[in-house]
Amino acid sequence: METQILKLEAPFDYIYCNGEVGKHIATYIVGESRIGEDGKYTLETHSHPIVQYKHGAKGVVWNRAELTDCEVLCSEDDMRIDVQKFFLLCIQRATQKANADGDDPWGYEAWENSAEEAEPLKEKLREYGIGFKSKEPVVEVGIEVGGCSDGYFAQLMELTILNLHHIEPTLEELGKRLTEEREYWEDLYDHVIKIKYTPESSTAEGFVENL
């Protein structure tokens, strides 16, 4: 078995894997040759990130993570992560936890719990001074609103930067809930979020201005 450390140069990337964030300063490469069943040599290589934590020693090896498993959040040149990518990482982390329990084969629990991963991940980003960015100054979120047996519902029509599915007995209460939800995510991302309604959402007419 052969090992090698590949040192990187600034500007460094900030990477994410398995709920952890670190500055990628080097890569630990492990190579091992094997003899296959056909008698031929094959070479297996594994690349593990070496990171520096904000408050910790320099040179921590992520030995349980391959470099290909990691997501690049941003570079020192631009200390911001795209809001869409951030929420996808929240879903990814929630999915990992749900799959570890083995009781969420269809991903429903992971989707519901993805919002719970947002605050902890944002705190990790804050430690390094990483903020958010988006392609547009105002992020639009498409929502369908309609009636149901329990009152009125609101649900997302596409994968976006937040998790939203609510049922309330009245339109007024639903409008209040959506307002609270929008304000929460606006504060988290420090971006303006605009709720827009699908053509099927004629029920929403009349309380749009309340949002």
N, C-alpha and C. Protein backbone atom coordinates (compact mmCIF):
# COMPACT_ATOMS: atom_id res chain seq x y z
N MET A 1 0.85 -1.20 0.00
CA MET A 1 0.00 0.00 0.00
C MET A 1 0.88 1.24 0.00
N GLU A 2 0.55 2.19 -0.84
CA GLU A 2 1.29 3.43 -0.93
C GLU A 2 0.38 4.60 -0.59
N THR A 3 0.97 5.59 0.06
CA THR A 3 0.19 6.78 0.43
C THR A 3 0.92 8.04 -0.04
N GLN A 4 0.14 9.06 -0.25
CA GLN A 4 0.69 10.34 -0.71
C GLN A 4 -0.22 11.46 -0.24
N ILE A 5 0.37 12.57 0.13
CA ILE A 5 -0.41 13.75 0.50
C ILE A 5 -0.21 14.82 -0.56
N LEU A 6 -1.32 15.21 -1.18
CA LEU A 6 -1.29 16.24 -2.20
C LEU A 6 -1.73 17.56 -1.57
N LYS A 7 -0.78 18.46 -1.39
CA LYS A 7 -1.09 19.75 -0.78
C LYS A 7 -1.72 20.69 -1.81
N LEU A 8 -2.73 21.41 -1.38
CA LEU A 8 -3.42 22.35 -2.25
C LEU A 8 -2.95 23.77 -1.96
N GLU A 9 -3.25 24.67 -2.86
CA GLU A 9 -2.86 26.07 -2.71
C GLU A 9 -4.09 26.96 -2.69
N ALA A 10 -3.93 28.12 -2.07
CA ALA A 10 -5.02 29.09 -2.02
C ALA A 10 -5.32 29.61 -3.43
N PRO A 11 -6.57 29.97 -3.72
CA PRO A 11 -7.71 29.99 -2.80
C PRO A 11 -8.28 28.59 -2.56
N PHE A 12 -8.53 28.27 -1.29
CA PHE A 12 -9.02 26.95 -0.92
C PHE A 12 -10.54 26.88 -1.06
N ASP A 13 -11.03 25.66 -1.26
CA ASP A 13 -12.47 25.42 -1.29
C ASP A 13 -12.96 25.03 0.09
N TYR A 14 -14.21 25.36 0.37
CA TYR A 14 -14.88 24.86 1.56
C TYR A 14 -15.79 23.72 1.12
N ILE A 15 -15.67 22.58 1.79
CA ILE A 15 -16.40 21.39 1.36
C ILE A 15 -17.31 20.88 2.46
N TYR A 16 -18.25 20.03 2.05
CA TYR A 16 -19.27 19.51 2.97
C TYR A 16 -19.45 18.02 2.73
N CYS A 17 -19.57 17.26 3.82
CA CYS A 17 -19.87 15.84 3.71
C CYS A 17 -20.35 15.32 5.06
N ASN A 18 -21.42 14.54 5.04
CA ASN A 18 -21.94 13.90 6.26
C ASN A 18 -22.17 14.89 7.40
N GLY A 19 -22.67 16.07 7.06
CA GLY A 19 -23.00 17.04 8.08
C GLY A 19 -21.85 17.90 8.55
N GLU A 20 -20.66 17.72 7.99
CA GLU A 20 -19.49 18.48 8.41
C GLU A 20 -19.04 19.45 7.32
N VAL A 21 -18.47 20.58 7.77
CA VAL A 21 -17.94 21.60 6.87
C VAL A 21 -16.48 21.85 7.23
N GLY A 22 -15.62 21.98 6.23
CA GLY A 22 -14.21 22.25 6.49
C GLY A 22 -13.54 22.88 5.30
N LYS A 23 -12.39 23.51 5.55
CA LYS A 23 -11.58 24.09 4.46
C LYS A 23 -10.68 22.99 3.91
N HIS A 24 -10.80 22.72 2.62
CA HIS A 24 -10.05 21.64 1.98
C HIS A 24 -8.63 22.12 1.67
N ILE A 25 -7.65 21.66 2.46
CA ILE A 25 -6.28 22.15 2.31
C ILE A 25 -5.35 21.13 1.66
N ALA A 26 -5.75 19.86 1.65
CA ALA A 26 -4.90 18.82 1.05
C ALA A 26 -5.74 17.56 0.83
N THR A 27 -5.17 16.60 0.12
CA THR A 27 -5.85 15.33 -0.14
C THR A 27 -4.92 14.18 0.20
N TYR A 28 -5.42 13.24 0.96
CA TYR A 28 -4.67 12.05 1.35
C TYR A 28 -5.03 10.93 0.38
N ILE A 29 -4.05 10.49 -0.41
CA ILE A 29 -4.29 9.49 -1.45
C ILE A 29 -3.70 8.16 -1.02
N VAL A 30 -4.52 7.13 -1.08
CA VAL A 30 -4.10 5.78 -0.72
C VAL A 30 -4.21 4.90 -1.96
N GLY A 31 -3.12 4.25 -2.32
CA GLY A 31 -3.12 3.35 -3.47
C GLY A 31 -2.74 1.94 -3.06
N GLU A 32 -3.46 0.98 -3.58
CA GLU A 32 -3.19 -0.42 -3.23
C GLU A 32 -3.34 -1.28 -4.48
N SER A 33 -2.33 -2.08 -4.75
CA SER A 33 -2.37 -2.97 -5.92
C SER A 33 -2.88 -4.35 -5.50
N ARG A 34 -3.69 -4.92 -6.36
CA ARG A 34 -4.25 -6.24 -6.11
C ARG A 34 -4.09 -7.12 -7.34
N ILE A 35 -4.11 -8.41 -7.11
CA ILE A 35 -4.08 -9.37 -8.21
C ILE A 35 -5.48 -9.92 -8.40
N GLY A 36 -6.03 -9.70 -9.58
CA GLY A 36 -7.38 -10.15 -9.86
C GLY A 36 -7.45 -11.64 -10.12
N GLU A 37 -8.66 -12.14 -10.30
CA GLU A 37 -8.85 -13.57 -10.57
C GLU A 37 -8.19 -14.00 -11.87
N ASP A 38 -8.02 -13.04 -12.78
CA ASP A 38 -7.38 -13.35 -14.06
C ASP A 38 -5.86 -13.27 -13.98
N GLY A 39 -5.33 -12.99 -12.77
CA GLY A 39 -3.89 -12.92 -12.59
C GLY A 39 -3.28 -11.57 -12.92
N LYS A 40 -4.11 -10.61 -13.30
CA LYS A 40 -3.60 -9.29 -13.65
C LYS A 40 -3.64 -8.36 -12.44
N TYR A 41 -2.70 -7.42 -12.44
CA TYR A 41 -2.65 -6.43 -11.36
C TYR A 41 -3.68 -5.33 -11.61
N THR A 42 -4.32 -4.92 -10.56
CA THR A 42 -5.21 -3.76 -10.62
C THR A 42 -4.81 -2.81 -9.49
N LEU A 43 -5.01 -1.54 -9.73
CA LEU A 43 -4.65 -0.53 -8.73
C LEU A 43 -5.91 0.17 -8.24
N GLU A 44 -6.13 0.11 -6.93
CA GLU A 44 -7.25 0.81 -6.32
C GLU A 44 -6.73 2.05 -5.61
N THR A 45 -7.36 3.16 -5.86
CA THR A 45 -6.95 4.40 -5.19
C THR A 45 -8.14 5.01 -4.46
N HIS A 46 -7.86 5.58 -3.33
CA HIS A 46 -8.88 6.27 -2.53
C HIS A 46 -8.33 7.64 -2.14
N SER A 47 -9.14 8.65 -2.33
CA SER A 47 -8.72 10.02 -2.02
C SER A 47 -9.59 10.57 -0.90
N HIS A 48 -8.95 10.91 0.21
CA HIS A 48 -9.66 11.43 1.38
C HIS A 48 -9.28 12.90 1.61
N PRO A 49 -10.26 13.77 1.82
CA PRO A 49 -9.95 15.18 2.06
C PRO A 49 -9.22 15.38 3.38
N ILE A 50 -8.30 16.30 3.38
CA ILE A 50 -7.68 16.79 4.61
C ILE A 50 -8.17 18.22 4.79
N VAL A 51 -8.80 18.48 5.92
CA VAL A 51 -9.46 19.77 6.11
C VAL A 51 -8.91 20.50 7.33
N GLN A 52 -9.18 21.78 7.33
CA GLN A 52 -8.89 22.62 8.50
C GLN A 52 -10.21 23.15 9.02
N TYR A 53 -10.48 22.89 10.30
CA TYR A 53 -11.69 23.42 10.92
C TYR A 53 -11.44 24.84 11.40
N LYS A 54 -12.52 25.58 11.56
CA LYS A 54 -12.40 26.97 12.01
C LYS A 54 -11.78 27.03 13.40
N HIS A 55 -12.23 26.15 14.27
CA HIS A 55 -11.69 26.13 15.63
C HIS A 55 -11.12 24.73 15.90
N GLY A 56 -9.93 24.49 15.42
CA GLY A 56 -9.32 23.18 15.60
C GLY A 56 -7.99 23.08 14.90
N ALA A 57 -7.36 21.92 15.05
CA ALA A 57 -6.04 21.71 14.46
C ALA A 57 -6.13 21.65 12.94
N LYS A 58 -5.06 22.06 12.29
CA LYS A 58 -4.98 21.98 10.84
C LYS A 58 -4.55 20.58 10.43
N GLY A 59 -5.25 20.00 9.47
CA GLY A 59 -4.84 18.71 8.95
C GLY A 59 -5.64 17.54 9.47
N VAL A 60 -6.97 17.65 9.49
CA VAL A 60 -7.84 16.55 9.91
C VAL A 60 -8.25 15.75 8.67
N VAL A 61 -7.99 14.44 8.69
CA VAL A 61 -8.34 13.59 7.55
C VAL A 61 -9.77 13.09 7.71
N TRP A 62 -10.58 13.32 6.68
CA TRP A 62 -11.92 12.74 6.66
C TRP A 62 -11.80 11.32 6.13
N ASN A 63 -11.41 10.38 7.02
CA ASN A 63 -11.13 9.03 6.56
C ASN A 63 -12.38 8.22 6.22
N ARG A 64 -13.55 8.73 6.60
CA ARG A 64 -14.79 8.04 6.25
C ARG A 64 -15.46 8.64 5.02
N ALA A 65 -14.78 9.58 4.40
CA ALA A 65 -15.35 10.24 3.22
C ALA A 65 -14.35 10.23 2.08
N GLU A 66 -14.81 9.83 0.92
CA GLU A 66 -14.01 9.95 -0.30
C GLU A 66 -14.21 11.37 -0.84
N LEU A 67 -13.23 11.83 -1.57
CA LEU A 67 -13.33 13.17 -2.15
C LEU A 67 -14.55 13.28 -3.06
N THR A 68 -14.89 12.18 -3.73
CA THR A 68 -16.05 12.19 -4.63
C THR A 68 -17.37 12.27 -3.88
N ASP A 69 -17.35 12.00 -2.57
CA ASP A 69 -18.58 12.09 -1.76
C ASP A 69 -18.86 13.52 -1.30
N CYS A 70 -17.87 14.39 -1.44
CA CYS A 70 -17.96 15.74 -0.88
C CYS A 70 -18.57 16.73 -1.88
N GLU A 71 -19.21 17.74 -1.34
CA GLU A 71 -19.77 18.82 -2.13
C GLU A 71 -18.95 20.09 -1.88
N VAL A 72 -18.57 20.75 -2.95
CA VAL A 72 -17.88 22.04 -2.81
C VAL A 72 -18.93 23.11 -2.55
N LEU A 73 -18.82 23.77 -1.41
CA LEU A 73 -19.78 24.81 -1.04
C LEU A 73 -19.44 26.14 -1.71
N CYS A 74 -18.17 26.52 -1.60
CA CYS A 74 -17.73 27.80 -2.16
C CYS A 74 -16.21 27.84 -2.11
N SER A 75 -15.66 28.91 -2.62
CA SER A 75 -14.22 29.12 -2.60
C SER A 75 -13.91 30.36 -1.77
N GLU A 76 -12.66 30.48 -1.36
CA GLU A 76 -12.25 31.68 -0.63
C GLU A 76 -12.43 32.93 -1.48
N ASP A 77 -12.49 32.76 -2.80
CA ASP A 77 -12.72 33.90 -3.69
C ASP A 77 -14.14 34.45 -3.58
N ASP A 78 -15.08 33.60 -3.22
CA ASP A 78 -16.49 34.00 -3.12
C ASP A 78 -17.13 33.18 -2.01
N MET A 79 -17.19 33.76 -0.82
CA MET A 79 -17.63 33.03 0.37
C MET A 79 -19.16 33.02 0.47
N ARG A 80 -19.81 32.49 -0.57
CA ARG A 80 -21.27 32.38 -0.58
C ARG A 80 -21.67 31.07 -1.24
N ILE A 81 -22.76 30.49 -0.74
CA ILE A 81 -23.31 29.27 -1.33
C ILE A 81 -24.68 29.59 -1.92
N ASP A 82 -24.97 28.98 -3.06
CA ASP A 82 -26.27 29.19 -3.70
C ASP A 82 -27.38 28.62 -2.82
N VAL A 83 -28.48 29.36 -2.69
CA VAL A 83 -29.57 28.95 -1.80
C VAL A 83 -30.17 27.61 -2.23
N GLN A 84 -30.25 27.37 -3.54
CA GLN A 84 -30.81 26.10 -4.02
C GLN A 84 -29.91 24.93 -3.61
N LYS A 85 -28.61 25.11 -3.75
CA LYS A 85 -27.67 24.06 -3.36
C LYS A 85 -27.74 23.80 -1.87
N PHE A 86 -27.88 24.86 -1.09
CA PHE A 86 -27.97 24.72 0.36
C PHE A 86 -29.13 23.82 0.75
N PHE A 87 -30.31 24.08 0.17
CA PHE A 87 -31.47 23.28 0.56
C PHE A 87 -31.36 21.84 0.07
N LEU A 88 -30.74 21.63 -1.08
CA LEU A 88 -30.52 20.26 -1.56
C LEU A 88 -29.62 19.49 -0.59
N LEU A 89 -28.65 20.19 0.00
CA LEU A 89 -27.79 19.54 0.99
C LEU A 89 -28.58 19.20 2.26
N CYS A 90 -29.55 20.04 2.60
CA CYS A 90 -30.42 19.74 3.75
C CYS A 90 -31.22 18.48 3.49
N ILE A 91 -31.75 18.35 2.27
CA ILE A 91 -32.50 17.15 1.91
C ILE A 91 -31.58 15.93 1.92
N GLN A 92 -30.37 16.11 1.39
CA GLN A 92 -29.40 15.01 1.36
C GLN A 92 -29.08 14.52 2.76
N ARG A 93 -28.86 15.45 3.68
CA ARG A 93 -28.52 15.06 5.05
C ARG A 93 -29.69 14.37 5.74
N ALA A 94 -30.90 14.90 5.54
CA ALA A 94 -32.08 14.27 6.13
C ALA A 94 -32.29 12.87 5.56
N THR A 95 -31.99 12.70 4.27
CA THR A 95 -32.12 11.39 3.63
C THR A 95 -31.12 10.40 4.23
N GLN A 96 -29.89 10.86 4.47
CA GLN A 96 -28.88 9.99 5.08
C GLN A 96 -29.35 9.47 6.44
N LYS A 97 -29.90 10.37 7.24
CA LYS A 97 -30.35 9.97 8.57
C LYS A 97 -31.54 9.01 8.48
N ALA A 98 -32.47 9.30 7.56
CA ALA A 98 -33.64 8.44 7.42
C ALA A 98 -33.25 7.05 6.91
N ASN A 99 -32.31 7.00 5.97
CA ASN A 99 -31.86 5.72 5.43
C ASN A 99 -31.11 4.91 6.48
N ALA A 100 -30.42 5.61 7.37
CA ALA A 100 -29.69 4.92 8.44
C ALA A 100 -30.66 4.18 9.36
N ASP A 101 -31.85 4.76 9.53
CA ASP A 101 -32.88 4.11 10.35
C ASP A 101 -33.56 2.98 9.60
N GLY A 102 -33.52 3.05 8.27
CA GLY A 102 -34.10 1.99 7.46
C GLY A 102 -35.61 1.98 7.40
N ASP A 103 -36.25 3.08 7.81
CA ASP A 103 -37.72 3.08 7.84
C ASP A 103 -38.32 4.14 6.93
N ASP A 104 -37.55 4.61 5.94
CA ASP A 104 -38.07 5.65 5.05
C ASP A 104 -37.69 5.34 3.60
N PRO A 105 -38.16 4.20 3.06
CA PRO A 105 -37.73 3.78 1.72
C PRO A 105 -38.13 4.73 0.61
N TRP A 106 -39.21 5.51 0.80
CA TRP A 106 -39.68 6.40 -0.27
C TRP A 106 -39.25 7.84 -0.08
N GLY A 107 -38.56 8.14 1.01
CA GLY A 107 -38.03 9.48 1.20
C GLY A 107 -39.01 10.50 1.76
N TYR A 108 -40.21 10.06 2.21
CA TYR A 108 -41.19 11.01 2.73
C TYR A 108 -40.70 11.66 4.01
N GLU A 109 -40.14 10.86 4.91
CA GLU A 109 -39.66 11.39 6.18
C GLU A 109 -38.51 12.36 5.95
N ALA A 110 -37.63 12.02 5.02
CA ALA A 110 -36.49 12.89 4.73
C ALA A 110 -36.96 14.24 4.22
N TRP A 111 -37.96 14.24 3.35
CA TRP A 111 -38.47 15.51 2.83
C TRP A 111 -39.08 16.35 3.94
N GLU A 112 -39.84 15.72 4.83
CA GLU A 112 -40.47 16.44 5.92
C GLU A 112 -39.43 17.00 6.90
N ASN A 113 -38.34 16.26 7.10
CA ASN A 113 -37.34 16.66 8.10
C ASN A 113 -36.22 17.52 7.52
N SER A 114 -36.26 17.78 6.22
CA SER A 114 -35.17 18.53 5.60
C SER A 114 -35.02 19.93 6.18
N ALA A 115 -36.15 20.56 6.55
CA ALA A 115 -36.08 21.90 7.11
C ALA A 115 -35.34 21.92 8.45
N GLU A 116 -35.39 20.80 9.18
CA GLU A 116 -34.71 20.74 10.47
C GLU A 116 -33.19 20.77 10.34
N GLU A 117 -32.70 20.46 9.14
CA GLU A 117 -31.25 20.48 8.92
C GLU A 117 -30.74 21.87 8.56
N ALA A 118 -31.66 22.80 8.24
CA ALA A 118 -31.25 24.11 7.75
C ALA A 118 -30.50 24.93 8.80
N GLU A 119 -31.05 25.03 10.01
CA GLU A 119 -30.42 25.85 11.04
C GLU A 119 -29.04 25.32 11.45
N PRO A 120 -28.89 24.01 11.73
CA PRO A 120 -27.56 23.51 12.09
C PRO A 120 -26.52 23.73 11.00
N LEU A 121 -26.92 23.53 9.73
CA LEU A 121 -25.97 23.73 8.65
C LEU A 121 -25.61 25.20 8.50
N LYS A 122 -26.60 26.07 8.65
CA LYS A 122 -26.30 27.51 8.54
C LYS A 122 -25.33 27.93 9.64
N GLU A 123 -25.48 27.38 10.84
CA GLU A 123 -24.56 27.72 11.93
C GLU A 123 -23.13 27.31 11.59
N LYS A 124 -22.97 26.15 10.95
CA LYS A 124 -21.63 25.71 10.54
C LYS A 124 -21.05 26.67 9.50
N LEU A 125 -21.90 27.13 8.58
CA LEU A 125 -21.43 28.07 7.56
C LEU A 125 -21.04 29.40 8.19
N ARG A 126 -21.81 29.83 9.17
CA ARG A 126 -21.51 31.10 9.84
C ARG A 126 -20.14 31.09 10.49
N GLU A 127 -19.73 29.93 11.01
CA GLU A 127 -18.43 29.83 11.66
C GLU A 127 -17.30 30.24 10.72
N TYR A 128 -17.50 29.98 9.43
CA TYR A 128 -16.47 30.31 8.44
C TYR A 128 -16.76 31.61 7.70
N GLY A 129 -17.87 32.26 8.04
CA GLY A 129 -18.22 33.50 7.36
C GLY A 129 -18.82 33.28 5.99
N ILE A 130 -19.44 32.11 5.77
CA ILE A 130 -20.05 31.79 4.48
C ILE A 130 -21.50 32.25 4.48
N GLY A 131 -21.88 33.01 3.45
CA GLY A 131 -23.24 33.51 3.32
C GLY A 131 -23.97 32.84 2.17
N PHE A 132 -25.04 33.47 1.71
CA PHE A 132 -25.88 32.91 0.65
C PHE A 132 -25.91 33.81 -0.58
N LYS A 133 -26.20 33.20 -1.71
CA LYS A 133 -26.41 33.94 -2.95
C LYS A 133 -27.47 33.22 -3.77
N SER A 134 -28.05 33.93 -4.73
CA SER A 134 -29.01 33.32 -5.65
C SER A 134 -28.87 34.00 -7.01
N LYS A 135 -29.36 33.33 -8.04
CA LYS A 135 -29.25 33.87 -9.39
C LYS A 135 -30.08 35.14 -9.55
N GLU A 136 -31.19 35.22 -8.81
CA GLU A 136 -32.06 36.37 -8.88
C GLU A 136 -32.14 37.04 -7.51
N PRO A 137 -32.28 38.38 -7.46
CA PRO A 137 -32.38 39.06 -6.16
C PRO A 137 -33.63 38.68 -5.39
N VAL A 138 -34.71 38.34 -6.11
CA VAL A 138 -35.95 37.87 -5.49
C VAL A 138 -36.19 36.43 -5.91
N VAL A 139 -36.29 35.53 -4.93
CA VAL A 139 -36.49 34.12 -5.22
C VAL A 139 -37.99 33.82 -5.26
N GLU A 140 -38.48 33.32 -6.38
CA GLU A 140 -39.90 33.00 -6.52
C GLU A 140 -40.15 31.53 -6.17
N VAL A 141 -41.22 31.30 -5.43
CA VAL A 141 -41.60 29.95 -5.01
C VAL A 141 -43.02 29.67 -5.49
N GLY A 142 -43.20 28.63 -6.30
CA GLY A 142 -44.51 28.28 -6.83
C GLY A 142 -45.29 27.40 -5.87
N ILE A 143 -46.53 27.80 -5.56
CA ILE A 143 -47.37 27.09 -4.59
C ILE A 143 -48.76 26.87 -5.17
N GLU A 144 -49.31 25.70 -4.90
CA GLU A 144 -50.71 25.43 -5.25
C GLU A 144 -51.55 25.52 -3.98
N VAL A 145 -52.67 26.20 -4.07
CA VAL A 145 -53.60 26.34 -2.95
C VAL A 145 -54.95 25.79 -3.39
N GLY A 146 -55.60 25.04 -2.51
CA GLY A 146 -56.90 24.48 -2.86
C GLY A 146 -57.66 24.03 -1.63
N GLY A 147 -58.88 23.59 -1.84
CA GLY A 147 -59.70 23.11 -0.75
C GLY A 147 -59.54 21.61 -0.54
N CYS A 148 -59.77 21.17 0.70
CA CYS A 148 -59.71 19.74 1.03
C CYS A 148 -60.70 19.47 2.16
N SER A 149 -60.81 18.22 2.56
CA SER A 149 -61.79 17.85 3.58
C SER A 149 -61.52 18.51 4.93
N ASP A 150 -60.26 18.88 5.18
CA ASP A 150 -59.90 19.51 6.46
C ASP A 150 -59.82 21.03 6.37
N GLY A 151 -60.19 21.59 5.23
CA GLY A 151 -60.15 23.04 5.08
C GLY A 151 -59.47 23.43 3.78
N TYR A 152 -58.27 24.00 3.90
CA TYR A 152 -57.53 24.45 2.72
C TYR A 152 -56.06 24.04 2.86
N PHE A 153 -55.46 23.72 1.72
CA PHE A 153 -54.07 23.27 1.73
C PHE A 153 -53.20 24.18 0.86
N ALA A 154 -51.92 24.17 1.16
CA ALA A 154 -50.91 24.83 0.33
C ALA A 154 -49.73 23.89 0.22
N GLN A 155 -49.25 23.68 -1.00
CA GLN A 155 -48.12 22.78 -1.20
C GLN A 155 -47.25 23.28 -2.34
N LEU A 156 -45.97 22.95 -2.27
CA LEU A 156 -45.03 23.33 -3.31
C LEU A 156 -45.30 22.54 -4.58
N MET A 157 -45.05 23.18 -5.71
CA MET A 157 -45.25 22.52 -6.99
C MET A 157 -43.94 22.05 -7.62
N GLU A 158 -42.82 22.42 -7.01
CA GLU A 158 -41.53 22.02 -7.55
C GLU A 158 -40.49 22.08 -6.44
N LEU A 159 -39.39 21.36 -6.64
CA LEU A 159 -38.29 21.38 -5.68
C LEU A 159 -37.69 22.78 -5.67
N THR A 160 -37.60 23.36 -4.50
CA THR A 160 -37.15 24.75 -4.43
C THR A 160 -36.24 24.93 -3.22
N ILE A 161 -36.27 26.11 -2.60
CA ILE A 161 -35.32 26.40 -1.52
C ILE A 161 -35.93 26.26 -0.14
N LEU A 162 -37.12 25.70 -0.05
CA LEU A 162 -37.75 25.50 1.26
C LEU A 162 -38.71 24.32 1.19
N ASN A 163 -39.15 23.90 2.36
CA ASN A 163 -40.10 22.79 2.47
C ASN A 163 -41.42 23.36 2.96
N LEU A 164 -42.48 23.11 2.24
CA LEU A 164 -43.76 23.71 2.61
C LEU A 164 -44.92 22.79 2.24
N HIS A 165 -45.71 22.45 3.22
CA HIS A 165 -46.97 21.72 3.00
C HIS A 165 -47.83 21.94 4.24
N HIS A 166 -48.89 22.73 4.08
CA HIS A 166 -49.71 23.08 5.23
C HIS A 166 -51.19 22.86 4.93
N ILE A 167 -51.94 22.51 5.96
CA ILE A 167 -53.40 22.42 5.90
C ILE A 167 -53.96 23.20 7.08
N GLU A 168 -54.86 24.14 6.79
CA GLU A 168 -55.49 24.95 7.84
C GLU A 168 -57.00 24.98 7.60
N PRO A 169 -57.78 25.18 8.66
CA PRO A 169 -59.25 25.16 8.51
C PRO A 169 -59.82 26.32 7.70
N THR A 170 -59.13 27.47 7.68
CA THR A 170 -59.63 28.63 6.93
C THR A 170 -58.53 29.21 6.06
N LEU A 171 -58.95 29.97 5.04
CA LEU A 171 -57.97 30.64 4.18
C LEU A 171 -57.17 31.67 4.96
N GLU A 172 -57.83 32.33 5.90
CA GLU A 172 -57.14 33.34 6.70
C GLU A 172 -55.99 32.72 7.49
N GLU A 173 -56.25 31.57 8.11
CA GLU A 173 -55.21 30.90 8.88
C GLU A 173 -54.11 30.36 7.97
N LEU A 174 -54.51 29.90 6.79
CA LEU A 174 -53.51 29.41 5.84
C LEU A 174 -52.62 30.55 5.37
N GLY A 175 -53.22 31.70 5.09
CA GLY A 175 -52.44 32.86 4.68
C GLY A 175 -51.46 33.29 5.75
N LYS A 176 -51.89 33.25 7.00
CA LYS A 176 -51.01 33.60 8.12
C LYS A 176 -49.84 32.63 8.22
N ARG A 177 -50.15 31.34 8.04
CA ARG A 177 -49.10 30.32 8.13
C ARG A 177 -48.07 30.48 7.01
N LEU A 178 -48.54 30.77 5.81
CA LEU A 178 -47.63 30.97 4.68
C LEU A 178 -46.76 32.21 4.89
N THR A 179 -47.35 33.25 5.46
CA THR A 179 -46.58 34.46 5.75
C THR A 179 -45.46 34.16 6.74
N GLU A 180 -45.79 33.42 7.80
CA GLU A 180 -44.78 33.06 8.80
C GLU A 180 -43.67 32.22 8.17
N GLU A 181 -44.09 31.30 7.30
CA GLU A 181 -43.12 30.42 6.64
C GLU A 181 -42.18 31.23 5.75
N ARG A 182 -42.76 32.13 4.96
CA ARG A 182 -41.95 32.95 4.06
C ARG A 182 -40.97 33.82 4.85
N GLU A 183 -41.44 34.44 5.92
CA GLU A 183 -40.58 35.31 6.72
C GLU A 183 -39.44 34.53 7.37
N TYR A 184 -39.73 33.29 7.79
CA TYR A 184 -38.69 32.46 8.40
C TYR A 184 -37.56 32.20 7.41
N TRP A 185 -37.92 31.77 6.19
CA TRP A 185 -36.90 31.44 5.20
C TRP A 185 -36.22 32.69 4.66
N GLU A 186 -36.93 33.80 4.59
CA GLU A 186 -36.28 35.05 4.18
C GLU A 186 -35.19 35.43 5.18
N ASP A 187 -35.49 35.26 6.46
CA ASP A 187 -34.52 35.57 7.49
C ASP A 187 -33.34 34.61 7.44
N LEU A 188 -33.61 33.34 7.20
CA LEU A 188 -32.54 32.34 7.16
C LEU A 188 -31.60 32.60 5.99
N TYR A 189 -32.16 32.88 4.81
CA TYR A 189 -31.35 33.08 3.62
C TYR A 189 -30.88 34.52 3.43
N ASP A 190 -31.53 35.46 4.15
CA ASP A 190 -31.27 36.88 3.94
C ASP A 190 -31.55 37.24 2.48
N HIS A 191 -32.64 36.69 1.95
CA HIS A 191 -33.08 36.97 0.59
C HIS A 191 -34.60 37.19 0.59
N VAL A 192 -35.06 37.98 -0.35
CA VAL A 192 -36.50 38.20 -0.50
C VAL A 192 -37.11 37.01 -1.23
N ILE A 193 -38.20 36.47 -0.68
CA ILE A 193 -38.90 35.34 -1.29
C ILE A 193 -40.30 35.78 -1.68
N LYS A 194 -40.67 35.52 -2.91
CA LYS A 194 -41.99 35.88 -3.40
C LYS A 194 -42.79 34.61 -3.67
N ILE A 195 -43.97 34.52 -3.08
CA ILE A 195 -44.84 33.38 -3.31
C ILE A 195 -45.72 33.66 -4.52
N LYS A 196 -45.67 32.75 -5.48
CA LYS A 196 -46.55 32.87 -6.64
C LYS A 196 -47.43 31.62 -6.70
N TYR A 197 -48.61 31.78 -7.28
CA TYR A 197 -49.59 30.69 -7.28
C TYR A 197 -49.77 30.10 -8.67
N THR A 198 -50.02 28.80 -8.70
CA THR A 198 -50.25 28.12 -9.96
C THR A 198 -51.62 28.49 -10.51
N PRO A 199 -51.85 28.27 -11.80
CA PRO A 199 -53.16 28.59 -12.39
C PRO A 199 -54.31 27.84 -11.71
N GLU A 200 -54.02 26.68 -11.11
CA GLU A 200 -55.06 25.91 -10.45
C GLU A 200 -55.48 26.51 -9.11
N SER A 201 -54.75 27.53 -8.66
CA SER A 201 -54.97 28.06 -7.32
C SER A 201 -55.94 29.23 -7.30
N SER A 202 -57.07 29.11 -7.96
CA SER A 202 -58.05 30.19 -7.96
C SER A 202 -58.57 30.45 -6.54
N THR A 203 -58.49 29.43 -5.69
CA THR A 203 -58.92 29.57 -4.30
C THR A 203 -58.11 30.65 -3.58
N ALA A 204 -56.88 30.87 -4.02
CA ALA A 204 -56.00 31.80 -3.33
C ALA A 204 -56.37 33.25 -3.57
N GLU A 205 -57.19 33.52 -4.56
CA GLU A 205 -57.57 34.90 -4.84
C GLU A 205 -58.29 35.49 -3.63
N GLY A 206 -57.85 36.63 -3.21
CA GLY A 206 -58.49 37.26 -2.07
C GLY A 206 -57.60 37.34 -0.85
N PHE A 207 -56.62 36.44 -0.76
CA PHE A 207 -55.71 36.58 0.38
C PHE A 207 -54.26 36.65 -0.06
N VAL A 208 -54.04 36.77 -1.37
CA VAL A 208 -52.69 36.93 -1.88
C VAL A 208 -52.02 38.16 -1.28
N GLU A 209 -52.79 39.25 -1.18
CA GLU A 209 -52.21 40.49 -0.68
C GLU A 209 -51.79 40.38 0.78
N ASN A 210 -52.32 39.40 1.50
CA ASN A 210 -51.94 39.23 2.90
C ASN A 210 -50.54 38.65 3.06
N LEU A 211 -49.98 38.14 1.96
CA LEU A 211 -48.66 37.52 2.04
C LEU A 211 -47.57 38.51 1.68
